[in-house]
Amino acid sequence: MYIPKPLDTSDVVLSEELMALKEEIAKNVHEVWSQGRIKDGWVYGEKRDDEKKMTPCLVPYEELSEEEKEYDRNTALETLKLITALGYEIKKK
């Protein structure tokens, strides 16, 4: 049985600059996901239907529910925290 064991990043504190970057990454995560879905034949639908390949999430990031945005934000946040925990630095040019 698979038991996920992500690296514990609970003690990682991100700078304000990286926290702002989180939203841009979250938006891009959604754009990449959407592009992949469309490529695979998915279309917008008011209710998710896997057989018909329909999902209500094929909308611009700004139109997603807060719950959906939080999923993408969490992915972005944990990615930034992992990068930091592994000793890397992110610097803006």
PDB file of N, CA and C in Angstrom:
ATOM      1  N   MET A   1       0.835  -1.184   0.000  1.00  0.00           N
ATOM      2  CA  MET A   1       0.000   0.000   0.000  1.00  0.00           C
ATOM      3  C   MET A   1       0.879   1.247   0.000  1.00  0.00           C
ATOM      4  N   TYR A   2       0.568   2.147  -0.896  1.00  0.00           N
ATOM      5  CA  TYR A   2       1.326   3.389  -1.046  1.00  0.00           C
ATOM      6  C   TYR A   2       0.976   4.375   0.063  1.00  0.00           C
ATOM      7  N   ILE A   3       2.000   4.890   0.732  1.00  0.00           N
ATOM      8  CA  ILE A   3       1.807   5.912   1.758  1.00  0.00           C
ATOM      9  C   ILE A   3       2.653   7.121   1.355  1.00  0.00           C
ATOM     10  N   PRO A   4       2.009   8.206   0.911  1.00  0.00           N
ATOM     11  CA  PRO A   4       2.767   9.393   0.494  1.00  0.00           C
ATOM     12  C   PRO A   4       3.605   9.952   1.640  1.00  0.00           C
ATOM     13  N   LYS A   5       4.817  10.368   1.320  1.00  0.00           N
ATOM     14  CA  LYS A   5       5.718  10.931   2.316  1.00  0.00           C
ATOM     15  C   LYS A   5       6.399  12.175   1.754  1.00  0.00           C
ATOM     16  N   PRO A   6       5.619  13.254   1.558  1.00  0.00           N
ATOM     17  CA  PRO A   6       6.261  14.472   1.051  1.00  0.00           C
ATOM     18  C   PRO A   6       7.237  15.020   2.088  1.00  0.00           C
ATOM     19  N   LEU A   7       8.231  15.713   1.616  1.00  0.00           N
ATOM     20  CA  LEU A   7       9.192  16.352   2.513  1.00  0.00           C
ATOM     21  C   LEU A   7       8.451  17.334   3.406  1.00  0.00           C
ATOM     22  N   ASP A   8       8.749  17.313   4.687  1.00  0.00           N
ATOM     23  CA  ASP A   8       8.100  18.227   5.624  1.00  0.00           C
ATOM     24  C   ASP A   8       8.658  19.634   5.416  1.00  0.00           C
ATOM     25  N   THR A   9       7.801  20.525   4.954  1.00  0.00           N
ATOM     26  CA  THR A   9       8.211  21.907   4.703  1.00  0.00           C
ATOM     27  C   THR A   9       7.515  22.868   5.651  1.00  0.00           C
ATOM     28  N   SER A  10       6.933  22.335   6.717  1.00  0.00           N
ATOM     29  CA  SER A  10       6.142  23.166   7.625  1.00  0.00           C
ATOM     30  C   SER A  10       6.967  24.254   8.308  1.00  0.00           C
ATOM     31  N   ASP A  11       8.267  24.068   8.401  1.00  0.00           N
ATOM     32  CA  ASP A  11       9.104  25.080   9.058  1.00  0.00           C
ATOM     33  C   ASP A  11       9.714  26.080   8.067  1.00  0.00           C
ATOM     34  N   VAL A  12       9.422  25.938   6.788  1.00  0.00           N
ATOM     35  CA  VAL A  12       9.972  26.851   5.780  1.00  0.00           C
ATOM     36  C   VAL A  12       9.126  28.120   5.729  1.00  0.00           C
ATOM     37  N   VAL A  13       9.798  29.248   5.870  1.00  0.00           N
ATOM     38  CA  VAL A  13       9.129  30.541   5.789  1.00  0.00           C
ATOM     39  C   VAL A  13       9.595  31.219   4.503  1.00  0.00           C
ATOM     40  N   LEU A  14       8.652  31.596   3.670  1.00  0.00           N
ATOM     41  CA  LEU A  14       8.981  32.235   2.394  1.00  0.00           C
ATOM     42  C   LEU A  14       8.925  33.749   2.527  1.00  0.00           C
ATOM     43  N   SER A  15       9.751  34.410   1.765  1.00  0.00           N
ATOM     44  CA  SER A  15       9.756  35.870   1.735  1.00  0.00           C
ATOM     45  C   SER A  15       8.463  36.386   1.106  1.00  0.00           C
ATOM     46  N   GLU A  16       8.186  37.665   1.316  1.00  0.00           N
ATOM     47  CA  GLU A  16       7.005  38.273   0.697  1.00  0.00           C
ATOM     48  C   GLU A  16       7.074  38.167  -0.822  1.00  0.00           C
ATOM     49  N   GLU A  17       8.280  38.322  -1.362  1.00  0.00           N
ATOM     50  CA  GLU A  17       8.459  38.242  -2.811  1.00  0.00           C
ATOM     51  C   GLU A  17       8.076  36.850  -3.336  1.00  0.00           C
ATOM     52  N   LEU A  18       8.488  35.805  -2.619  1.00  0.00           N
ATOM     53  CA  LEU A  18       8.144  34.448  -3.047  1.00  0.00           C
ATOM     54  C   LEU A  18       6.666  34.155  -2.819  1.00  0.00           C
ATOM     55  N   MET A  19       6.094  34.717  -1.782  1.00  0.00           N
ATOM     56  CA  MET A  19       4.656  34.532  -1.551  1.00  0.00           C
ATOM     57  C   MET A  19       3.853  35.168  -2.687  1.00  0.00           C
ATOM     58  N   ALA A  20       4.339  36.295  -3.208  1.00  0.00           N
ATOM     59  CA  ALA A  20       3.674  36.931  -4.352  1.00  0.00           C
ATOM     60  C   ALA A  20       3.838  36.059  -5.603  1.00  0.00           C
ATOM     61  N   LEU A  21       4.973  35.422  -5.739  1.00  0.00           N
ATOM     62  CA  LEU A  21       5.244  34.541  -6.869  1.00  0.00           C
ATOM     63  C   LEU A  21       4.301  33.334  -6.864  1.00  0.00           C
ATOM     64  N   LYS A  22       3.887  32.938  -5.680  1.00  0.00           N
ATOM     65  CA  LYS A  22       2.976  31.793  -5.536  1.00  0.00           C
ATOM     66  C   LYS A  22       1.741  31.943  -6.416  1.00  0.00           C
ATOM     67  N   GLU A  23       1.158  33.124  -6.446  1.00  0.00           N
ATOM     68  CA  GLU A  23      -0.065  33.325  -7.224  1.00  0.00           C
ATOM     69  C   GLU A  23       0.212  33.208  -8.722  1.00  0.00           C
ATOM     70  N   GLU A  24       1.355  33.725  -9.169  1.00  0.00           N
ATOM     71  CA  GLU A  24       1.713  33.611 -10.587  1.00  0.00           C
ATOM     72  C   GLU A  24       1.947  32.149 -10.967  1.00  0.00           C
ATOM     73  N   ILE A  25       2.585  31.401 -10.080  1.00  0.00           N
ATOM     74  CA  ILE A  25       2.812  29.977 -10.351  1.00  0.00           C
ATOM     75  C   ILE A  25       1.481  29.233 -10.370  1.00  0.00           C
ATOM     76  N   ALA A  26       0.606  29.546  -9.426  1.00  0.00           N
ATOM     77  CA  ALA A  26      -0.704  28.891  -9.371  1.00  0.00           C
ATOM     78  C   ALA A  26      -1.473  29.120 -10.664  1.00  0.00           C
ATOM     79  N   LYS A  27      -1.436  30.339 -11.148  1.00  0.00           N
ATOM     80  CA  LYS A  27      -2.129  30.660 -12.397  1.00  0.00           C
ATOM     81  C   LYS A  27      -1.532  29.846 -13.546  1.00  0.00           C
ATOM     82  N   ASN A  28      -0.217  29.757 -13.598  1.00  0.00           N
ATOM     83  CA  ASN A  28       0.437  29.015 -14.671  1.00  0.00           C
ATOM     84  C   ASN A  28       0.166  27.513 -14.556  1.00  0.00           C
ATOM     85  N   VAL A  29       0.108  26.999 -13.335  1.00  0.00           N
ATOM     86  CA  VAL A  29      -0.243  25.588 -13.128  1.00  0.00           C
ATOM     87  C   VAL A  29      -1.605  25.305 -13.758  1.00  0.00           C
ATOM     88  N   HIS A  30      -2.544  26.216 -13.534  1.00  0.00           N
ATOM     89  CA  HIS A  30      -3.878  26.048 -14.117  1.00  0.00           C
ATOM     90  C   HIS A  30      -3.824  26.129 -15.642  1.00  0.00           C
ATOM     91  N   GLU A  31      -3.043  27.065 -16.174  1.00  0.00           N
ATOM     92  CA  GLU A  31      -2.924  27.203 -17.624  1.00  0.00           C
ATOM     93  C   GLU A  31      -2.344  25.939 -18.257  1.00  0.00           C
ATOM     94  N   VAL A  32      -1.323  25.375 -17.638  1.00  0.00           N
ATOM     95  CA  VAL A  32      -0.702  24.148 -18.154  1.00  0.00           C
ATOM     96  C   VAL A  32      -1.688  22.989 -18.063  1.00  0.00           C
ATOM     97  N   TRP A  33      -2.386  22.875 -16.934  1.00  0.00           N
ATOM     98  CA  TRP A  33      -3.396  21.831 -16.765  1.00  0.00           C
ATOM     99  C   TRP A  33      -4.481  21.972 -17.837  1.00  0.00           C
ATOM    100  N   SER A  34      -4.972  23.195 -18.028  1.00  0.00           N
ATOM    101  CA  SER A  34      -6.038  23.447 -19.008  1.00  0.00           C
ATOM    102  C   SER A  34      -5.591  23.085 -20.417  1.00  0.00           C
ATOM    103  N   GLN A  35      -4.383  23.490 -20.760  1.00  0.00           N
ATOM    104  CA  GLN A  35      -3.842  23.191 -22.085  1.00  0.00           C
ATOM    105  C   GLN A  35      -3.787  21.683 -22.312  1.00  0.00           C
ATOM    106  N   GLY A  36      -3.348  20.944 -21.297  1.00  0.00           N
ATOM    107  CA  GLY A  36      -3.281  19.490 -21.401  1.00  0.00           C
ATOM    108  C   GLY A  36      -4.650  18.859 -21.552  1.00  0.00           C
ATOM    109  N   ARG A  37      -5.608  19.350 -20.788  1.00  0.00           N
ATOM    110  CA  ARG A  37      -6.977  18.836 -20.885  1.00  0.00           C
ATOM    111  C   ARG A  37      -7.544  19.072 -22.282  1.00  0.00           C
ATOM    112  N   ILE A  38      -7.398  20.292 -22.783  1.00  0.00           N
ATOM    113  CA  ILE A  38      -7.917  20.619 -24.114  1.00  0.00           C
ATOM    114  C   ILE A  38      -7.250  19.736 -25.166  1.00  0.00           C
ATOM    115  N   LYS A  39      -5.947  19.559 -25.044  1.00  0.00           N
ATOM    116  CA  LYS A  39      -5.217  18.697 -25.982  1.00  0.00           C
ATOM    117  C   LYS A  39      -5.759  17.269 -25.956  1.00  0.00           C
ATOM    118  N   ASP A  40      -6.208  16.828 -24.763  1.00  0.00           N
ATOM    119  CA  ASP A  40      -6.736  15.477 -24.608  1.00  0.00           C
ATOM    120  C   ASP A  40      -8.218  15.372 -24.952  1.00  0.00           C
ATOM    121  N   GLY A  41      -8.795  16.468 -25.465  1.00  0.00           N
ATOM    122  CA  GLY A  41     -10.170  16.419 -25.925  1.00  0.00           C
ATOM    123  C   GLY A  41     -11.220  16.876 -24.927  1.00  0.00           C
ATOM    124  N   TRP A  42     -10.807  17.412 -23.801  1.00  0.00           N
ATOM    125  CA  TRP A  42     -11.752  17.889 -22.802  1.00  0.00           C
ATOM    126  C   TRP A  42     -12.321  19.237 -23.223  1.00  0.00           C
ATOM    127  N   VAL A  43     -13.566  19.491 -22.798  1.00  0.00           N
ATOM    128  CA  VAL A  43     -14.237  20.753 -23.075  1.00  0.00           C
ATOM    129  C   VAL A  43     -14.905  21.256 -21.789  1.00  0.00           C
ATOM    130  N   TYR A  44     -15.307  22.514 -21.843  1.00  0.00           N
ATOM    131  CA  TYR A  44     -16.019  23.084 -20.705  1.00  0.00           C
ATOM    132  C   TYR A  44     -17.401  22.455 -20.585  1.00  0.00           C
ATOM    133  N   GLY A  45     -17.806  22.183 -19.361  1.00  0.00           N
ATOM    134  CA  GLY A  45     -19.157  21.710 -19.065  1.00  0.00           C
ATOM    135  C   GLY A  45     -19.507  22.142 -17.656  1.00  0.00           C
ATOM    136  N   GLU A  46     -20.769  22.411 -17.407  1.00  0.00           N
ATOM    137  CA  GLU A  46     -21.179  22.902 -16.091  1.00  0.00           C
ATOM    138  C   GLU A  46     -20.908  21.892 -14.983  1.00  0.00           C
ATOM    139  N   LYS A  47     -20.960  20.604 -15.320  1.00  0.00           N
ATOM    140  CA  LYS A  47     -20.663  19.553 -14.344  1.00  0.00           C
ATOM    141  C   LYS A  47     -19.597  18.639 -14.922  1.00  0.00           C
ATOM    142  N   ARG A  48     -18.723  18.132 -14.054  1.00  0.00           N
ATOM    143  CA  ARG A  48     -17.682  17.222 -14.523  1.00  0.00           C
ATOM    144  C   ARG A  48     -18.304  15.913 -14.993  1.00  0.00           C
ATOM    145  N   ASP A  49     -17.861  15.467 -16.152  1.00  0.00           N
ATOM    146  CA  ASP A  49     -18.310  14.205 -16.724  1.00  0.00           C
ATOM    147  C   ASP A  49     -17.102  13.582 -17.413  1.00  0.00           C
ATOM    148  N   ASP A  50     -16.506  12.602 -16.744  1.00  0.00           N
ATOM    149  CA  ASP A  50     -15.289  11.979 -17.270  1.00  0.00           C
ATOM    150  C   ASP A  50     -15.524  11.260 -18.593  1.00  0.00           C
ATOM    151  N   GLU A  51     -16.676  10.650 -18.755  1.00  0.00           N
ATOM    152  CA  GLU A  51     -16.960   9.935 -19.999  1.00  0.00           C
ATOM    153  C   GLU A  51     -17.063  10.887 -21.182  1.00  0.00           C
ATOM    154  N   LYS A  52     -17.695  12.042 -20.971  1.00  0.00           N
ATOM    155  CA  LYS A  52     -17.852  13.038 -22.032  1.00  0.00           C
ATOM    156  C   LYS A  52     -16.689  14.022 -22.083  1.00  0.00           C
ATOM    157  N   LYS A  53     -15.735  13.843 -21.173  1.00  0.00           N
ATOM    158  CA  LYS A  53     -14.574  14.733 -21.070  1.00  0.00           C
ATOM    159  C   LYS A  53     -15.014  16.195 -20.943  1.00  0.00           C
ATOM    160  N   MET A  54     -15.850  16.427 -19.935  1.00  0.00           N
ATOM    161  CA  MET A  54     -16.333  17.780 -19.662  1.00  0.00           C
ATOM    162  C   MET A  54     -15.953  18.160 -18.229  1.00  0.00           C
ATOM    163  N   THR A  55     -15.535  19.412 -18.051  1.00  0.00           N
ATOM    164  CA  THR A  55     -15.189  19.896 -16.721  1.00  0.00           C
ATOM    165  C   THR A  55     -15.507  21.384 -16.606  1.00  0.00           C
ATOM    166  N   PRO A  56     -16.011  21.799 -15.456  1.00  0.00           N
ATOM    167  CA  PRO A  56     -16.282  23.227 -15.241  1.00  0.00           C
ATOM    168  C   PRO A  56     -15.015  24.039 -14.967  1.00  0.00           C
ATOM    169  N   CYS A  57     -13.882  23.379 -14.878  1.00  0.00           N
ATOM    170  CA  CYS A  57     -12.629  24.073 -14.557  1.00  0.00           C
ATOM    171  C   CYS A  57     -11.898  24.603 -15.792  1.00  0.00           C
ATOM    172  N   LEU A  58     -12.435  24.365 -16.974  1.00  0.00           N
ATOM    173  CA  LEU A  58     -11.799  24.897 -18.188  1.00  0.00           C
ATOM    174  C   LEU A  58     -12.264  26.335 -18.409  1.00  0.00           C
ATOM    175  N   VAL A  59     -11.821  27.182 -17.504  1.00  0.00           N
ATOM    176  CA  VAL A  59     -12.090  28.621 -17.541  1.00  0.00           C
ATOM    177  C   VAL A  59     -10.804  29.327 -17.137  1.00  0.00           C
ATOM    178  N   PRO A  60     -10.684  30.622 -17.425  1.00  0.00           N
ATOM    179  CA  PRO A  60      -9.499  31.337 -16.953  1.00  0.00           C
ATOM    180  C   PRO A  60      -9.352  31.218 -15.436  1.00  0.00           C
ATOM    181  N   TYR A  61      -8.126  31.234 -14.966  1.00  0.00           N
ATOM    182  CA  TYR A  61      -7.827  31.096 -13.539  1.00  0.00           C
ATOM    183  C   TYR A  61      -8.677  32.027 -12.686  1.00  0.00           C
ATOM    184  N   GLU A  62      -8.842  33.255 -13.157  1.00  0.00           N
ATOM    185  CA  GLU A  62      -9.582  34.258 -12.392  1.00  0.00           C
ATOM    186  C   GLU A  62     -11.051  33.868 -12.183  1.00  0.00           C
ATOM    187  N   GLU A  63     -11.565  32.999 -13.021  1.00  0.00           N
ATOM    188  CA  GLU A  63     -12.959  32.580 -12.924  1.00  0.00           C
ATOM    189  C   GLU A  63     -13.166  31.295 -12.126  1.00  0.00           C
ATOM    190  N   LEU A  64     -12.076  30.687 -11.673  1.00  0.00           N
ATOM    191  CA  LEU A  64     -12.191  29.482 -10.854  1.00  0.00           C
ATOM    192  C   LEU A  64     -12.785  29.820  -9.493  1.00  0.00           C
ATOM    193  N   SER A  65     -13.387  28.839  -8.865  1.00  0.00           N
ATOM    194  CA  SER A  65     -13.851  29.013  -7.493  1.00  0.00           C
ATOM    195  C   SER A  65     -12.616  29.168  -6.588  1.00  0.00           C
ATOM    196  N   GLU A  66     -12.820  29.745  -5.431  1.00  0.00           N
ATOM    197  CA  GLU A  66     -11.701  29.884  -4.494  1.00  0.00           C
ATOM    198  C   GLU A  66     -11.152  28.517  -4.098  1.00  0.00           C
ATOM    199  N   GLU A  67     -12.017  27.521  -4.003  1.00  0.00           N
ATOM    200  CA  GLU A  67     -11.578  26.170  -3.667  1.00  0.00           C
ATOM    201  C   GLU A  67     -10.621  25.623  -4.725  1.00  0.00           C
ATOM    202  N   GLU A  68     -10.955  25.827  -5.995  1.00  0.00           N
ATOM    203  CA  GLU A  68     -10.078  25.374  -7.075  1.00  0.00           C
ATOM    204  C   GLU A  68      -8.772  26.165  -7.094  1.00  0.00           C
ATOM    205  N   LYS A  69      -8.861  27.466  -6.874  1.00  0.00           N
ATOM    206  CA  LYS A  69      -7.650  28.294  -6.828  1.00  0.00           C
ATOM    207  C   LYS A  69      -6.735  27.831  -5.696  1.00  0.00           C
ATOM    208  N   GLU A  70      -7.315  27.484  -4.555  1.00  0.00           N
ATOM    209  CA  GLU A  70      -6.509  27.042  -3.408  1.00  0.00           C
ATOM    210  C   GLU A  70      -5.735  25.777  -3.723  1.00  0.00           C
ATOM    211  N   TYR A  71      -6.311  24.888  -4.517  1.00  0.00           N
ATOM    212  CA  TYR A  71      -5.600  23.669  -4.912  1.00  0.00           C
ATOM    213  C   TYR A  71      -4.330  24.041  -5.678  1.00  0.00           C
ATOM    214  N   ASP A  72      -4.468  24.957  -6.641  1.00  0.00           N
ATOM    215  CA  ASP A  72      -3.306  25.394  -7.428  1.00  0.00           C
ATOM    216  C   ASP A  72      -2.323  26.191  -6.570  1.00  0.00           C
ATOM    217  N   ARG A  73      -2.850  27.030  -5.674  1.00  0.00           N
ATOM    218  CA  ARG A  73      -1.980  27.807  -4.781  1.00  0.00           C
ATOM    219  C   ARG A  73      -1.167  26.890  -3.873  1.00  0.00           C
ATOM    220  N   ASN A  74      -1.809  25.843  -3.367  1.00  0.00           N
ATOM    221  CA  ASN A  74      -1.097  24.916  -2.494  1.00  0.00           C
ATOM    222  C   ASN A  74       0.008  24.194  -3.246  1.00  0.00           C
ATOM    223  N   THR A  75      -0.263  23.802  -4.483  1.00  0.00           N
ATOM    224  CA  THR A  75       0.766  23.173  -5.308  1.00  0.00           C
ATOM    225  C   THR A  75       1.951  24.120  -5.480  1.00  0.00           C
ATOM    226  N   ALA A  76       1.652  25.385  -5.787  1.00  0.00           N
ATOM    227  CA  ALA A  76       2.704  26.382  -5.969  1.00  0.00           C
ATOM    228  C   ALA A  76       3.465  26.617  -4.672  1.00  0.00           C
ATOM    229  N   LEU A  77       2.731  26.771  -3.580  1.00  0.00           N
ATOM    230  CA  LEU A  77       3.357  27.038  -2.283  1.00  0.00           C
ATOM    231  C   LEU A  77       4.293  25.905  -1.872  1.00  0.00           C
ATOM    232  N   GLU A  78       3.809  24.676  -1.978  1.00  0.00           N
ATOM    233  CA  GLU A  78       4.638  23.544  -1.570  1.00  0.00           C
ATOM    234  C   GLU A  78       5.850  23.365  -2.490  1.00  0.00           C
ATOM    235  N   THR A  79       5.706  23.712  -3.750  1.00  0.00           N
ATOM    236  CA  THR A  79       6.849  23.658  -4.663  1.00  0.00           C
ATOM    237  C   THR A  79       7.901  24.686  -4.256  1.00  0.00           C
ATOM    238  N   LEU A  80       7.471  25.903  -3.978  1.00  0.00           N
ATOM    239  CA  LEU A  80       8.411  26.946  -3.538  1.00  0.00           C
ATOM    240  C   LEU A  80       9.081  26.566  -2.216  1.00  0.00           C
ATOM    241  N   LYS A  81       8.315  26.010  -1.300  1.00  0.00           N
ATOM    242  CA  LYS A  81       8.877  25.605  -0.008  1.00  0.00           C
ATOM    243  C   LYS A  81       9.880  24.466  -0.186  1.00  0.00           C
ATOM    244  N   LEU A  82       9.577  23.527  -1.072  1.00  0.00           N
ATOM    245  CA  LEU A  82      10.493  22.415  -1.325  1.00  0.00           C
ATOM    246  C   LEU A  82      11.797  22.923  -1.917  1.00  0.00           C
ATOM    247  N   ILE A  83      11.703  23.808  -2.901  1.00  0.00           N
ATOM    248  CA  ILE A  83      12.904  24.385  -3.506  1.00  0.00           C
ATOM    249  C   ILE A  83      13.771  25.036  -2.430  1.00  0.00           C
ATOM    250  N   THR A  84      13.148  25.786  -1.547  1.00  0.00           N
ATOM    251  CA  THR A  84      13.854  26.458  -0.461  1.00  0.00           C
ATOM    252  C   THR A  84      14.443  25.442   0.515  1.00  0.00           C
ATOM    253  N   ALA A  85      13.673  24.443   0.902  1.00  0.00           N
ATOM    254  CA  ALA A  85      14.136  23.422   1.848  1.00  0.00           C
ATOM    255  C   ALA A  85      15.322  22.637   1.306  1.00  0.00           C
ATOM    256  N   LEU A  86      15.372  22.497  -0.007  1.00  0.00           N
ATOM    257  CA  LEU A  86      16.486  21.761  -0.619  1.00  0.00           C
ATOM    258  C   LEU A  86      17.736  22.624  -0.776  1.00  0.00           C
ATOM    259  N   GLY A  87      17.646  23.891  -0.347  1.00  0.00           N
ATOM    260  CA  GLY A  87      18.818  24.756  -0.351  1.00  0.00           C
ATOM    261  C   GLY A  87      18.964  25.659  -1.558  1.00  0.00           C
ATOM    262  N   TYR A  88      17.992  25.683  -2.431  1.00  0.00           N
ATOM    263  CA  TYR A  88      18.058  26.546  -3.595  1.00  0.00           C
ATOM    264  C   TYR A  88      17.537  27.933  -3.254  1.00  0.00           C
ATOM    265  N   GLU A  89      17.984  28.903  -4.024  1.00  0.00           N
ATOM    266  CA  GLU A  89      17.503  30.267  -3.879  1.00  0.00           C
ATOM    267  C   GLU A  89      16.872  30.702  -5.185  1.00  0.00           C
ATOM    268  N   ILE A  90      15.774  31.429  -5.081  1.00  0.00           N
ATOM    269  CA  ILE A  90      15.122  31.980  -6.253  1.00  0.00           C
ATOM    270  C   ILE A  90      15.330  33.480  -6.220  1.00  0.00           C
ATOM    271  N   LYS A  91      15.945  34.009  -7.284  1.00  0.00           N
ATOM    272  CA  LYS A  91      16.223  35.439  -7.341  1.00  0.00           C
ATOM    273  C   LYS A  91      15.655  36.012  -8.616  1.00  0.00           C
ATOM    274  N   LYS A  92      15.063  37.175  -8.501  1.00  0.00           N
ATOM    275  CA  LYS A  92      14.530  37.862  -9.662  1.00  0.00           C
ATOM    276  C   LYS A  92      15.654  38.655 -10.317  1.00  0.00           C
ATOM    277  N   LYS A  93      15.728  38.601 -11.627  1.00  0.00           N
ATOM    278  CA  LYS A  93      16.771  39.342 -12.362  1.00  0.00           C
ATOM    279  C   LYS A  93      16.414  40.800 -12.443  1.00  0.00           C
TER     280      LYS A  93
END
